[in-house]
């Protein structure tokens, strides 16, 4: 069973995935990904994955069979396992618990070569609904405190399969990153009695130098202090702290701006590897006045080396104002 261990100085949790044990030679990085071959995520291979927990699009009731448009299955090689109890305990001054959680794969399309950014809007809506549905379902499990939704696109961003997919991990602890956002935004709220994200949106719309695109419900911007070139955040314009409470109308608008944002990124740097991560409120929370859910899209364009590891600083060679300008003009340049 995996194990969660807590760093006693920083308070961050580390997953020790014993089932994924490697030798030093297993960490050699191949220069090129291996293309082609058998794909367990393609239609017809449903029996090669764990039994699905959600599927959209079938015209019949036969589960784990072709005909789906979006399919969610447990990860065959999970970082955390869903069976068992947490069994929190101390080992001297150290804290640890069993690696209990849920690790799922959202198969975004039945077509092997589909690109996430190029999916039709009605299909993108199904993916966003799948994120919502799984968060709502996992919220019923009292062992879990947070659900992290993310996508790795491209080998440099950590993708291990070509078939378009994203992932979801339910955690028994609050990630340090989310904890920092919650405490930082609460400090701002106590001082100014306003949500810092709402203030960011208001200022960015007024200045209009880091706005990439917007619609009636959402805005995409390059953050004032980005970690990498072309980093983007997608935020709801109206305050909301919980992603899974979005209406169908809001998910439709989100699908539109998500696609546009990624198409603009691809037009600037074709086929750039990236990660996106959903930041939302902890499970079973009341609506939070100080926190604003959002997606963060982070292209893999810089390397994390000794200085970054040692200092926690990021070195970004491109100002976000310039990145936003390129992103705004990108589709116009190729149209």
C-alpha atoms as a PDB file:
ATOM      1  CA  UNK A   1       0.000   0.000   0.000  1.00  0.00           C
ATOM      2  CA  UNK A   2       1.252   3.555  -0.721  1.00  0.00           C
ATOM      3  CA  UNK A   3       2.132   5.758   2.252  1.00  0.00           C
ATOM      4  CA  UNK A   4       1.682   9.449   2.957  1.00  0.00           C
ATOM      5  CA  UNK A   5       4.503  11.095   4.927  1.00  0.00           C
ATOM      6  CA  UNK A   6       4.499  14.634   6.292  1.00  0.00           C
ATOM      7  CA  UNK A   7       7.565  16.872   6.143  1.00  0.00           C
ATOM      8  CA  UNK A   8       7.890  18.129   9.766  1.00  0.00           C
ATOM      9  CA  UNK A   9       9.425  21.466   8.721  1.00  0.00           C
ATOM     10  CA  UNK A  10       7.383  22.563   5.696  1.00  0.00           C
ATOM     11  CA  UNK A  11       4.203  20.675   6.528  1.00  0.00           C
ATOM     12  CA  UNK A  12       3.915  19.276   3.015  1.00  0.00           C
ATOM     13  CA  UNK A  13       2.837  15.693   2.366  1.00  0.00           C
ATOM     14  CA  UNK A  14       4.781  13.275   0.158  1.00  0.00           C
ATOM     15  CA  UNK A  15       3.327  10.123  -1.409  1.00  0.00           C
ATOM     16  CA  UNK A  16       5.662   7.143  -1.138  1.00  0.00           C
ATOM     17  CA  UNK A  17       4.293   4.971  -3.962  1.00  0.00           C
ATOM     18  CA  UNK A  18       5.903   1.661  -3.068  1.00  0.00           C
ATOM     19  CA  UNK A  19       4.050  -0.200  -5.812  1.00  0.00           C
ATOM     20  CA  UNK A  20       5.808   2.010  -8.357  1.00  0.00           C
ATOM     21  CA  UNK A  21       9.245   1.097  -6.987  1.00  0.00           C
ATOM     22  CA  UNK A  22      12.143   1.793  -9.350  1.00  0.00           C
ATOM     23  CA  UNK A  23      15.861   1.170  -9.593  1.00  0.00           C
ATOM     24  CA  UNK A  24      18.271   3.977 -10.545  1.00  0.00           C
ATOM     25  CA  UNK A  25      18.461   2.734 -14.130  1.00  0.00           C
ATOM     26  CA  UNK A  26      14.680   3.066 -14.456  1.00  0.00           C
ATOM     27  CA  UNK A  27      14.962   6.848 -14.305  1.00  0.00           C
ATOM     28  CA  UNK A  28      16.857   7.200 -17.602  1.00  0.00           C
ATOM     29  CA  UNK A  29      14.846   9.601 -19.743  1.00  0.00           C
ATOM     30  CA  UNK A  30      14.254   8.598 -23.340  1.00  0.00           C
ATOM     31  CA  UNK A  31      14.901  11.329 -25.888  1.00  0.00           C
ATOM     32  CA  UNK A  32      11.773  10.566 -27.910  1.00  0.00           C
ATOM     33  CA  UNK A  33       8.454   9.022 -26.881  1.00  0.00           C
ATOM     34  CA  UNK A  34       7.524   5.634 -28.276  1.00  0.00           C
ATOM     35  CA  UNK A  35       4.686   6.183 -30.730  1.00  0.00           C
ATOM     36  CA  UNK A  36       2.010   3.808 -31.920  1.00  0.00           C
ATOM     37  CA  UNK A  37       1.287   0.382 -30.541  1.00  0.00           C
ATOM     38  CA  UNK A  38      -1.576  -0.843 -28.390  1.00  0.00           C
ATOM     39  CA  UNK A  39      -3.703   1.805 -26.648  1.00  0.00           C
ATOM     40  CA  UNK A  40      -5.785   0.667 -23.647  1.00  0.00           C
ATOM     41  CA  UNK A  41      -7.883   3.847 -23.798  1.00  0.00           C
ATOM     42  CA  UNK A  42      -9.287   3.296 -27.305  1.00  0.00           C
ATOM     43  CA  UNK A  43     -12.808   1.902 -27.892  1.00  0.00           C
ATOM     44  CA  UNK A  44     -12.871  -1.876 -28.022  1.00  0.00           C
ATOM     45  CA  UNK A  45     -10.247  -2.127 -25.289  1.00  0.00           C
ATOM     46  CA  UNK A  46     -12.562  -1.327 -22.376  1.00  0.00           C
ATOM     47  CA  UNK A  47     -11.744  -4.637 -20.672  1.00  0.00           C
ATOM     48  CA  UNK A  48      -8.090  -3.577 -20.509  1.00  0.00           C
ATOM     49  CA  UNK A  49      -8.902  -0.813 -17.999  1.00  0.00           C
ATOM     50  CA  UNK A  50     -10.477  -1.060 -14.549  1.00  0.00           C
ATOM     51  CA  UNK A  51     -14.274  -0.951 -14.630  1.00  0.00           C
ATOM     52  CA  UNK A  52     -15.562   2.529 -15.457  1.00  0.00           C
ATOM     53  CA  UNK A  53     -17.085   4.811 -12.823  1.00  0.00           C
ATOM     54  CA  UNK A  54     -18.700   7.191 -15.331  1.00  0.00           C
ATOM     55  CA  UNK A  55     -19.409   7.294 -19.066  1.00  0.00           C
ATOM     56  CA  UNK A  56     -21.275   9.727 -21.309  1.00  0.00           C
ATOM     57  CA  UNK A  57     -22.618   9.205 -24.816  1.00  0.00           C
ATOM     58  CA  UNK A  58     -23.685   5.556 -25.122  1.00  0.00           C
ATOM     59  CA  UNK A  59     -27.063   4.852 -26.691  1.00  0.00           C
ATOM     60  CA  UNK A  60     -27.306   1.556 -24.799  1.00  0.00           C
ATOM     61  CA  UNK A  61     -26.958   0.490 -21.153  1.00  0.00           C
ATOM     62  CA  UNK A  62     -24.048  -1.913 -21.565  1.00  0.00           C
ATOM     63  CA  UNK A  63     -21.172  -0.565 -19.483  1.00  0.00           C
ATOM     64  CA  UNK A  64     -17.486  -1.051 -20.260  1.00  0.00           C
ATOM     65  CA  UNK A  65     -18.206  -1.299 -23.979  1.00  0.00           C
ATOM     66  CA  UNK A  66     -17.757   0.966 -27.043  1.00  0.00           C
ATOM     67  CA  UNK A  67     -20.143   3.792 -27.905  1.00  0.00           C
ATOM     68  CA  UNK A  68     -18.993   6.286 -25.237  1.00  0.00           C
ATOM     69  CA  UNK A  69     -17.892   9.880 -25.808  1.00  0.00           C
ATOM     70  CA  UNK A  70     -16.198  10.487 -22.432  1.00  0.00           C
ATOM     71  CA  UNK A  71     -15.222   7.709 -20.045  1.00  0.00           C
ATOM     72  CA  UNK A  72     -13.811   7.771 -16.485  1.00  0.00           C
ATOM     73  CA  UNK A  73     -11.951   4.782 -15.060  1.00  0.00           C
ATOM     74  CA  UNK A  74      -9.769   4.181 -11.997  1.00  0.00           C
ATOM     75  CA  UNK A  75      -6.067   4.490 -12.769  1.00  0.00           C
ATOM     76  CA  UNK A  76      -4.601   1.019 -13.290  1.00  0.00           C
ATOM     77  CA  UNK A  77      -1.436   2.124 -11.473  1.00  0.00           C
ATOM     78  CA  UNK A  78      -2.789   4.509  -8.815  1.00  0.00           C
ATOM     79  CA  UNK A  79      -0.661   6.806  -6.682  1.00  0.00           C
ATOM     80  CA  UNK A  80      -3.213   6.230  -3.888  1.00  0.00           C
ATOM     81  CA  UNK A  81      -5.605   3.324  -3.342  1.00  0.00           C
ATOM     82  CA  UNK A  82      -9.284   3.590  -2.428  1.00  0.00           C
ATOM     83  CA  UNK A  83      -9.565   0.460  -0.237  1.00  0.00           C
ATOM     84  CA  UNK A  84      -8.594   0.688   3.421  1.00  0.00           C
ATOM     85  CA  UNK A  85      -8.476   3.045   6.379  1.00  0.00           C
ATOM     86  CA  UNK A  86      -6.182   6.017   6.875  1.00  0.00           C
ATOM     87  CA  UNK A  87      -4.688   4.784  10.159  1.00  0.00           C
ATOM     88  CA  UNK A  88      -2.929   8.032  11.021  1.00  0.00           C
ATOM     89  CA  UNK A  89       0.052   7.465  13.289  1.00  0.00           C
ATOM     90  CA  UNK A  90       3.296   8.958  14.514  1.00  0.00           C
ATOM     91  CA  UNK A  91       6.781   7.575  14.062  1.00  0.00           C
ATOM     92  CA  UNK A  92       8.704   9.573  16.630  1.00  0.00           C
ATOM     93  CA  UNK A  93       8.391  13.197  15.527  1.00  0.00           C
ATOM     94  CA  UNK A  94       7.140  12.147  12.068  1.00  0.00           C
ATOM     95  CA  UNK A  95       3.510  11.808  10.959  1.00  0.00           C
ATOM     96  CA  UNK A  96       2.284   9.311   8.415  1.00  0.00           C
ATOM     97  CA  UNK A  97      -0.837   7.487   7.249  1.00  0.00           C
ATOM     98  CA  UNK A  98      -1.874   4.898   4.700  1.00  0.00           C
ATOM     99  CA  UNK A  99      -1.956   6.100   1.103  1.00  0.00           C
ATOM    100  CA  UNK A 100      -5.728   6.155   0.808  1.00  0.00           C
ATOM    101  CA  UNK A 101      -7.367   8.119  -1.977  1.00  0.00           C
ATOM    102  CA  UNK A 102      -8.891   7.825  -5.437  1.00  0.00           C
ATOM    103  CA  UNK A 103      -6.916   8.101  -8.668  1.00  0.00           C
ATOM    104  CA  UNK A 104      -8.983   8.246 -11.856  1.00  0.00           C
ATOM    105  CA  UNK A 105      -8.391   8.786 -15.565  1.00  0.00           C
ATOM    106  CA  UNK A 106     -10.801  10.887 -17.633  1.00  0.00           C
ATOM    107  CA  UNK A 107     -10.594   9.554 -21.212  1.00  0.00           C
ATOM    108  CA  UNK A 108     -11.568  12.675 -23.108  1.00  0.00           C
ATOM    109  CA  UNK A 109     -12.476  11.205 -26.489  1.00  0.00           C
ATOM    110  CA  UNK A 110     -12.884   7.797 -28.137  1.00  0.00           C
ATOM    111  CA  UNK A 111     -10.685   8.982 -31.017  1.00  0.00           C
ATOM    112  CA  UNK A 112      -7.017   8.264 -30.372  1.00  0.00           C
ATOM    113  CA  UNK A 113      -5.614  11.286 -32.215  1.00  0.00           C
ATOM    114  CA  UNK A 114      -8.005  13.951 -30.922  1.00  0.00           C
ATOM    115  CA  UNK A 115      -6.427  17.003 -29.327  1.00  0.00           C
ATOM    116  CA  UNK A 116      -8.065  18.424 -26.213  1.00  0.00           C
ATOM    117  CA  UNK A 117      -7.920  21.992 -27.572  1.00  0.00           C
ATOM    118  CA  UNK A 118      -9.562  20.994 -30.858  1.00  0.00           C
ATOM    119  CA  UNK A 119     -12.572  19.144 -29.450  1.00  0.00           C
ATOM    120  CA  UNK A 120     -16.003  20.570 -30.381  1.00  0.00           C
ATOM    121  CA  UNK A 121     -17.588  22.732 -27.706  1.00  0.00           C
ATOM    122  CA  UNK A 122     -20.357  20.227 -26.973  1.00  0.00           C
ATOM    123  CA  UNK A 123     -17.740  17.540 -26.360  1.00  0.00           C
ATOM    124  CA  UNK A 124     -15.612  19.806 -24.157  1.00  0.00           C
ATOM    125  CA  UNK A 125     -18.723  20.435 -22.042  1.00  0.00           C
ATOM    126  CA  UNK A 126     -18.997  16.681 -21.367  1.00  0.00           C
ATOM    127  CA  UNK A 127     -15.410  16.598 -20.081  1.00  0.00           C
ATOM    128  CA  UNK A 128     -16.018  19.575 -17.791  1.00  0.00           C
ATOM    129  CA  UNK A 129     -19.217  17.906 -16.549  1.00  0.00           C
ATOM    130  CA  UNK A 130     -17.264  14.717 -15.863  1.00  0.00           C
ATOM    131  CA  UNK A 131     -14.874  16.709 -13.637  1.00  0.00           C
ATOM    132  CA  UNK A 132     -17.906  18.150 -11.847  1.00  0.00           C
ATOM    133  CA  UNK A 133     -19.702  14.821 -11.481  1.00  0.00           C
ATOM    134  CA  UNK A 134     -16.687  13.013 -10.039  1.00  0.00           C
ATOM    135  CA  UNK A 135     -15.972  15.775  -7.493  1.00  0.00           C
ATOM    136  CA  UNK A 136     -19.601  15.672  -6.362  1.00  0.00           C
ATOM    137  CA  UNK A 137     -19.489  11.883  -5.999  1.00  0.00           C
ATOM    138  CA  UNK A 138     -16.141  11.737  -4.162  1.00  0.00           C
ATOM    139  CA  UNK A 139     -17.297  14.448  -1.765  1.00  0.00           C
ATOM    140  CA  UNK A 140     -19.490  11.818  -0.099  1.00  0.00           C
ATOM    141  CA  UNK A 141     -16.403   9.896   1.083  1.00  0.00           C
ATOM    142  CA  UNK A 142     -15.522  11.304   4.513  1.00  0.00           C
ATOM    143  CA  UNK A 143     -11.908  10.135   4.159  1.00  0.00           C
ATOM    144  CA  UNK A 144     -11.203  12.665   1.409  1.00  0.00           C
ATOM    145  CA  UNK A 145     -10.541  16.375   1.943  1.00  0.00           C
ATOM    146  CA  UNK A 146      -9.671  17.544  -1.560  1.00  0.00           C
ATOM    147  CA  UNK A 147      -9.998  16.529  -5.218  1.00  0.00           C
ATOM    148  CA  UNK A 148      -7.263  17.604  -7.624  1.00  0.00           C
ATOM    149  CA  UNK A 149      -8.079  17.628 -11.357  1.00  0.00           C
ATOM    150  CA  UNK A 150      -5.174  18.008 -13.775  1.00  0.00           C
ATOM    151  CA  UNK A 151      -3.935  17.319 -17.286  1.00  0.00           C
ATOM    152  CA  UNK A 152      -0.436  16.551 -18.549  1.00  0.00           C
ATOM    153  CA  UNK A 153      -0.121  17.334 -22.251  1.00  0.00           C
ATOM    154  CA  UNK A 154       3.063  16.267 -23.980  1.00  0.00           C
ATOM    155  CA  UNK A 155       5.921  14.109 -22.789  1.00  0.00           C
ATOM    156  CA  UNK A 156       7.788  17.048 -21.215  1.00  0.00           C
ATOM    157  CA  UNK A 157       4.682  17.753 -19.107  1.00  0.00           C
ATOM    158  CA  UNK A 158       4.474  14.186 -17.823  1.00  0.00           C
ATOM    159  CA  UNK A 159       2.060  12.555 -20.277  1.00  0.00           C
ATOM    160  CA  UNK A 160       2.692   8.805 -20.538  1.00  0.00           C
ATOM    161  CA  UNK A 161      -0.056   7.967 -23.060  1.00  0.00           C
ATOM    162  CA  UNK A 162      -0.793   9.608 -26.411  1.00  0.00           C
ATOM    163  CA  UNK A 163      -4.575   9.222 -26.140  1.00  0.00           C
ATOM    164  CA  UNK A 164      -6.051  12.492 -24.840  1.00  0.00           C
ATOM    165  CA  UNK A 165      -6.865  12.180 -21.150  1.00  0.00           C
ATOM    166  CA  UNK A 166      -6.792  14.052 -17.870  1.00  0.00           C
ATOM    167  CA  UNK A 167      -6.632  12.775 -14.301  1.00  0.00           C
ATOM    168  CA  UNK A 168      -8.246  13.217 -10.921  1.00  0.00           C
ATOM    169  CA  UNK A 169      -6.826  12.419  -7.485  1.00  0.00           C
ATOM    170  CA  UNK A 170      -8.889  12.518  -4.291  1.00  0.00           C
ATOM    171  CA  UNK A 171      -6.656  13.220  -1.293  1.00  0.00           C
ATOM    172  CA  UNK A 172      -7.103  12.650   2.460  1.00  0.00           C
ATOM    173  CA  UNK A 173      -5.161  15.862   3.156  1.00  0.00           C
ATOM    174  CA  UNK A 174      -5.234  19.409   1.821  1.00  0.00           C
ATOM    175  CA  UNK A 175      -2.412  20.056  -0.679  1.00  0.00           C
ATOM    176  CA  UNK A 176       0.120  22.613   0.568  1.00  0.00           C
ATOM    177  CA  UNK A 177      -0.391  24.726  -2.554  1.00  0.00           C
ATOM    178  CA  UNK A 178      -4.135  24.984  -1.972  1.00  0.00           C
ATOM    179  CA  UNK A 179      -3.614  25.620   1.750  1.00  0.00           C
ATOM    180  CA  UNK A 180      -1.310  28.538   0.901  1.00  0.00           C
ATOM    181  CA  UNK A 181      -3.890  30.010  -1.493  1.00  0.00           C
ATOM    182  CA  UNK A 182      -6.658  29.657   1.071  1.00  0.00           C
ATOM    183  CA  UNK A 183      -4.664  31.270   3.880  1.00  0.00           C
ATOM    184  CA  UNK A 184      -3.231  34.009   1.661  1.00  0.00           C
ATOM    185  CA  UNK A 185      -6.623  34.951   0.249  1.00  0.00           C
ATOM    186  CA  UNK A 186      -8.164  34.851   3.750  1.00  0.00           C
ATOM    187  CA  UNK A 187      -5.504  37.256   5.058  1.00  0.00           C
ATOM    188  CA  UNK A 188      -6.334  39.659   2.213  1.00  0.00           C
ATOM    189  CA  UNK A 189     -10.071  39.297   2.891  1.00  0.00           C
ATOM    190  CA  UNK A 190      -9.704  40.035   6.607  1.00  0.00           C
ATOM    191  CA  UNK A 191      -7.777  43.208   5.789  1.00  0.00           C
ATOM    192  CA  UNK A 192      -9.855  44.530   2.877  1.00  0.00           C
ATOM    193  CA  UNK A 193     -13.144  42.612   3.210  1.00  0.00           C
ATOM    194  CA  UNK A 194     -12.937  41.702  -0.458  1.00  0.00           C
ATOM    195  CA  UNK A 195     -11.887  38.629  -2.413  1.00  0.00           C
ATOM    196  CA  UNK A 196      -8.370  39.085  -3.792  1.00  0.00           C
ATOM    197  CA  UNK A 197      -9.278  37.199  -6.966  1.00  0.00           C
ATOM    198  CA  UNK A 198     -12.271  39.469  -7.557  1.00  0.00           C
ATOM    199  CA  UNK A 199      -9.957  42.458  -7.110  1.00  0.00           C
ATOM    200  CA  UNK A 200      -7.461  40.925  -9.558  1.00  0.00           C
ATOM    201  CA  UNK A 201     -10.200  40.461 -12.163  1.00  0.00           C
ATOM    202  CA  UNK A 202     -11.477  44.021 -11.658  1.00  0.00           C
ATOM    203  CA  UNK A 203      -7.996  45.525 -12.030  1.00  0.00           C
ATOM    204  CA  UNK A 204      -7.029  43.362 -15.000  1.00  0.00           C
ATOM    205  CA  UNK A 205     -10.206  44.316 -16.862  1.00  0.00           C
ATOM    206  CA  UNK A 206      -9.557  47.975 -16.111  1.00  0.00           C
ATOM    207  CA  UNK A 207      -5.868  47.932 -17.139  1.00  0.00           C
ATOM    208  CA  UNK A 208      -6.413  45.499 -20.036  1.00  0.00           C
ATOM    209  CA  UNK A 209      -2.726  44.598 -20.444  1.00  0.00           C
ATOM    210  CA  UNK A 210      -2.739  41.011 -19.209  1.00  0.00           C
ATOM    211  CA  UNK A 211      -6.221  39.942 -20.405  1.00  0.00           C
ATOM    212  CA  UNK A 212      -6.009  37.240 -23.066  1.00  0.00           C
ATOM    213  CA  UNK A 213      -9.732  36.758 -23.739  1.00  0.00           C
ATOM    214  CA  UNK A 214     -13.088  36.833 -21.977  1.00  0.00           C
ATOM    215  CA  UNK A 215     -16.784  36.102 -22.368  1.00  0.00           C
ATOM    216  CA  UNK A 216     -19.849  36.853 -20.271  1.00  0.00           C
ATOM    217  CA  UNK A 217     -18.875  34.393 -17.525  1.00  0.00           C
ATOM    218  CA  UNK A 218     -15.088  33.869 -17.646  1.00  0.00           C
ATOM    219  CA  UNK A 219     -11.797  35.638 -18.164  1.00  0.00           C
ATOM    220  CA  UNK A 220      -8.381  34.296 -19.169  1.00  0.00           C
ATOM    221  CA  UNK A 221      -5.388  36.346 -18.089  1.00  0.00           C
ATOM    222  CA  UNK A 222      -1.649  36.049 -17.696  1.00  0.00           C
ATOM    223  CA  UNK A 223      -0.988  36.450 -13.943  1.00  0.00           C
ATOM    224  CA  UNK A 224       1.075  39.387 -12.700  1.00  0.00           C
ATOM    225  CA  UNK A 225       3.801  37.060 -11.335  1.00  0.00           C
ATOM    226  CA  UNK A 226       3.838  34.028 -13.677  1.00  0.00           C
ATOM    227  CA  UNK A 227       6.120  31.058 -13.095  1.00  0.00           C
ATOM    228  CA  UNK A 228       6.649  30.340 -16.786  1.00  0.00           C
ATOM    229  CA  UNK A 229       6.199  32.144 -20.110  1.00  0.00           C
ATOM    230  CA  UNK A 230       2.572  32.106 -21.313  1.00  0.00           C
ATOM    231  CA  UNK A 231       1.147  30.904 -17.992  1.00  0.00           C
ATOM    232  CA  UNK A 232      -2.603  31.580 -17.998  1.00  0.00           C
ATOM    233  CA  UNK A 233      -5.389  31.542 -15.415  1.00  0.00           C
ATOM    234  CA  UNK A 234      -9.058  31.000 -16.283  1.00  0.00           C
ATOM    235  CA  UNK A 235     -11.384  32.473 -13.650  1.00  0.00           C
ATOM    236  CA  UNK A 236     -15.160  32.967 -13.339  1.00  0.00           C
ATOM    237  CA  UNK A 237     -15.895  36.699 -13.469  1.00  0.00           C
ATOM    238  CA  UNK A 238     -18.641  36.366 -10.847  1.00  0.00           C
ATOM    239  CA  UNK A 239     -17.343  35.202  -7.470  1.00  0.00           C
ATOM    240  CA  UNK A 240     -17.502  31.445  -6.902  1.00  0.00           C
ATOM    241  CA  UNK A 241     -15.357  29.204  -4.717  1.00  0.00           C
ATOM    242  CA  UNK A 242     -16.623  25.767  -5.827  1.00  0.00           C
ATOM    243  CA  UNK A 243     -16.119  24.431  -9.345  1.00  0.00           C
ATOM    244  CA  UNK A 244     -18.643  21.641  -8.912  1.00  0.00           C
ATOM    245  CA  UNK A 245     -21.466  24.156  -8.349  1.00  0.00           C
ATOM    246  CA  UNK A 246     -21.284  25.620 -11.865  1.00  0.00           C
ATOM    247  CA  UNK A 247     -24.479  25.664 -13.933  1.00  0.00           C
ATOM    248  CA  UNK A 248     -24.835  24.215 -17.426  1.00  0.00           C
ATOM    249  CA  UNK A 249     -24.742  27.749 -18.838  1.00  0.00           C
ATOM    250  CA  UNK A 250     -21.478  28.454 -17.021  1.00  0.00           C
ATOM    251  CA  UNK A 251     -19.903  25.164 -18.161  1.00  0.00           C
ATOM    252  CA  UNK A 252     -20.836  26.023 -21.749  1.00  0.00           C
ATOM    253  CA  UNK A 253     -19.061  29.373 -21.417  1.00  0.00           C
ATOM    254  CA  UNK A 254     -16.105  27.684 -19.718  1.00  0.00           C
ATOM    255  CA  UNK A 255     -15.773  25.189 -22.579  1.00  0.00           C
ATOM    256  CA  UNK A 256     -15.673  28.072 -25.053  1.00  0.00           C
ATOM    257  CA  UNK A 257     -12.979  30.069 -23.264  1.00  0.00           C
ATOM    258  CA  UNK A 258     -10.915  26.978 -22.396  1.00  0.00           C
ATOM    259  CA  UNK A 259     -10.769  26.032 -26.083  1.00  0.00           C
ATOM    260  CA  UNK A 260      -9.984  29.580 -27.167  1.00  0.00           C
ATOM    261  CA  UNK A 261      -7.219  29.968 -24.577  1.00  0.00           C
ATOM    262  CA  UNK A 262      -5.484  26.732 -25.591  1.00  0.00           C
ATOM    263  CA  UNK A 263      -5.884  27.501 -29.301  1.00  0.00           C
ATOM    264  CA  UNK A 264      -4.207  30.875 -28.733  1.00  0.00           C
ATOM    265  CA  UNK A 265      -1.371  29.152 -26.877  1.00  0.00           C
ATOM    266  CA  UNK A 266      -0.940  26.610 -29.667  1.00  0.00           C
ATOM    267  CA  UNK A 267      -0.964  29.375 -32.268  1.00  0.00           C
ATOM    268  CA  UNK A 268       1.903  31.078 -30.411  1.00  0.00           C
ATOM    269  CA  UNK A 269       3.918  27.904 -29.788  1.00  0.00           C
ATOM    270  CA  UNK A 270       2.576  24.930 -31.775  1.00  0.00           C
ATOM    271  CA  UNK A 271       2.218  21.687 -29.805  1.00  0.00           C
ATOM    272  CA  UNK A 272       3.741  23.172 -26.652  1.00  0.00           C
ATOM    273  CA  UNK A 273       3.647  20.784 -23.652  1.00  0.00           C
ATOM    274  CA  UNK A 274       1.580  22.083 -20.743  1.00  0.00           C
ATOM    275  CA  UNK A 275      -0.122  21.174 -17.499  1.00  0.00           C
ATOM    276  CA  UNK A 276      -3.436  22.499 -16.325  1.00  0.00           C
ATOM    277  CA  UNK A 277      -4.716  22.167 -12.774  1.00  0.00           C
ATOM    278  CA  UNK A 278      -8.075  22.980 -11.216  1.00  0.00           C
ATOM    279  CA  UNK A 279      -7.916  24.923  -7.948  1.00  0.00           C
ATOM    280  CA  UNK A 280     -11.215  24.717  -6.062  1.00  0.00           C
ATOM    281  CA  UNK A 281     -12.413  24.774  -2.455  1.00  0.00           C
ATOM    282  CA  UNK A 282     -11.919  21.789  -0.112  1.00  0.00           C
ATOM    283  CA  UNK A 283     -14.604  19.114  -0.040  1.00  0.00           C
ATOM    284  CA  UNK A 284     -17.661  19.698   2.161  1.00  0.00           C
ATOM    285  CA  UNK A 285     -16.776  23.372   2.634  1.00  0.00           C
ATOM    286  CA  UNK A 286     -19.288  26.147   2.911  1.00  0.00           C
ATOM    287  CA  UNK A 287     -19.021  28.653   0.082  1.00  0.00           C
ATOM    288  CA  UNK A 288     -15.941  30.766   0.750  1.00  0.00           C
ATOM    289  CA  UNK A 289     -16.119  34.548   0.404  1.00  0.00           C
ATOM    290  CA  UNK A 290     -12.328  34.884   0.184  1.00  0.00           C
ATOM    291  CA  UNK A 291     -11.464  32.166  -2.354  1.00  0.00           C
ATOM    292  CA  UNK A 292     -12.136  31.976  -6.093  1.00  0.00           C
ATOM    293  CA  UNK A 293     -11.898  28.683  -8.019  1.00  0.00           C
ATOM    294  CA  UNK A 294      -9.830  28.769 -11.201  1.00  0.00           C
ATOM    295  CA  UNK A 295      -7.819  26.768 -13.705  1.00  0.00           C
ATOM    296  CA  UNK A 296      -4.073  27.364 -14.057  1.00  0.00           C
ATOM    297  CA  UNK A 297      -2.458  26.511 -17.400  1.00  0.00           C
ATOM    298  CA  UNK A 298       1.340  26.234 -17.170  1.00  0.00           C
ATOM    299  CA  UNK A 299       3.361  25.590 -20.376  1.00  0.00           C
ATOM    300  CA  UNK A 300       6.588  23.625 -19.948  1.00  0.00           C
ATOM    301  CA  UNK A 301       8.987  26.150 -21.448  1.00  0.00           C
ATOM    302  CA  UNK A 302      11.596  26.575 -18.697  1.00  0.00           C
ATOM    303  CA  UNK A 303      13.617  24.135 -16.601  1.00  0.00           C
ATOM    304  CA  UNK A 304      13.562  23.810 -12.826  1.00  0.00           C
ATOM    305  CA  UNK A 305      17.232  23.715 -11.790  1.00  0.00           C
ATOM    306  CA  UNK A 306      19.354  24.258  -8.684  1.00  0.00           C
ATOM    307  CA  UNK A 307      18.460  27.892  -8.063  1.00  0.00           C
ATOM    308  CA  UNK A 308      14.728  27.220  -8.327  1.00  0.00           C
ATOM    309  CA  UNK A 309      14.876  24.151  -6.086  1.00  0.00           C
ATOM    310  CA  UNK A 310      17.027  25.919  -3.519  1.00  0.00           C
ATOM    311  CA  UNK A 311      15.211  29.252  -3.400  1.00  0.00           C
ATOM    312  CA  UNK A 312      11.637  28.494  -4.397  1.00  0.00           C
ATOM    313  CA  UNK A 313      11.917  31.329  -6.951  1.00  0.00           C
ATOM    314  CA  UNK A 314      10.984  30.918 -10.603  1.00  0.00           C
ATOM    315  CA  UNK A 315      12.947  32.655 -13.353  1.00  0.00           C
ATOM    316  CA  UNK A 316      10.644  33.706 -16.197  1.00  0.00           C
ATOM    317  CA  UNK A 317      12.286  35.358 -19.239  1.00  0.00           C
ATOM    318  CA  UNK A 318       9.020  36.812 -20.589  1.00  0.00           C
ATOM    319  CA  UNK A 319       6.926  39.534 -18.905  1.00  0.00           C
ATOM    320  CA  UNK A 320       3.252  38.532 -18.699  1.00  0.00           C
ATOM    321  CA  UNK A 321       2.240  41.732 -20.488  1.00  0.00           C
ATOM    322  CA  UNK A 322       4.180  40.614 -23.568  1.00  0.00           C
ATOM    323  CA  UNK A 323       2.828  37.068 -23.307  1.00  0.00           C
ATOM    324  CA  UNK A 324      -0.746  38.406 -23.171  1.00  0.00           C
ATOM    325  CA  UNK A 325      -0.083  40.567 -26.232  1.00  0.00           C
ATOM    326  CA  UNK A 326       1.213  37.599 -28.223  1.00  0.00           C
ATOM    327  CA  UNK A 327      -1.709  35.447 -27.087  1.00  0.00           C
ATOM    328  CA  UNK A 328      -4.265  38.129 -28.012  1.00  0.00           C
ATOM    329  CA  UNK A 329      -2.754  38.554 -31.470  1.00  0.00           C
ATOM    330  CA  UNK A 330      -2.014  34.865 -32.110  1.00  0.00           C
ATOM    331  CA  UNK A 331      -5.222  33.787 -33.833  1.00  0.00           C
ATOM    332  CA  UNK A 332      -5.343  36.985 -35.871  1.00  0.00           C
ATOM    333  CA  UNK A 333      -1.840  36.276 -37.217  1.00  0.00           C
ATOM    334  CA  UNK A 334      -2.789  32.853 -38.569  1.00  0.00           C
ATOM    335  CA  UNK A 335      -6.322  33.682 -39.749  1.00  0.00           C
END
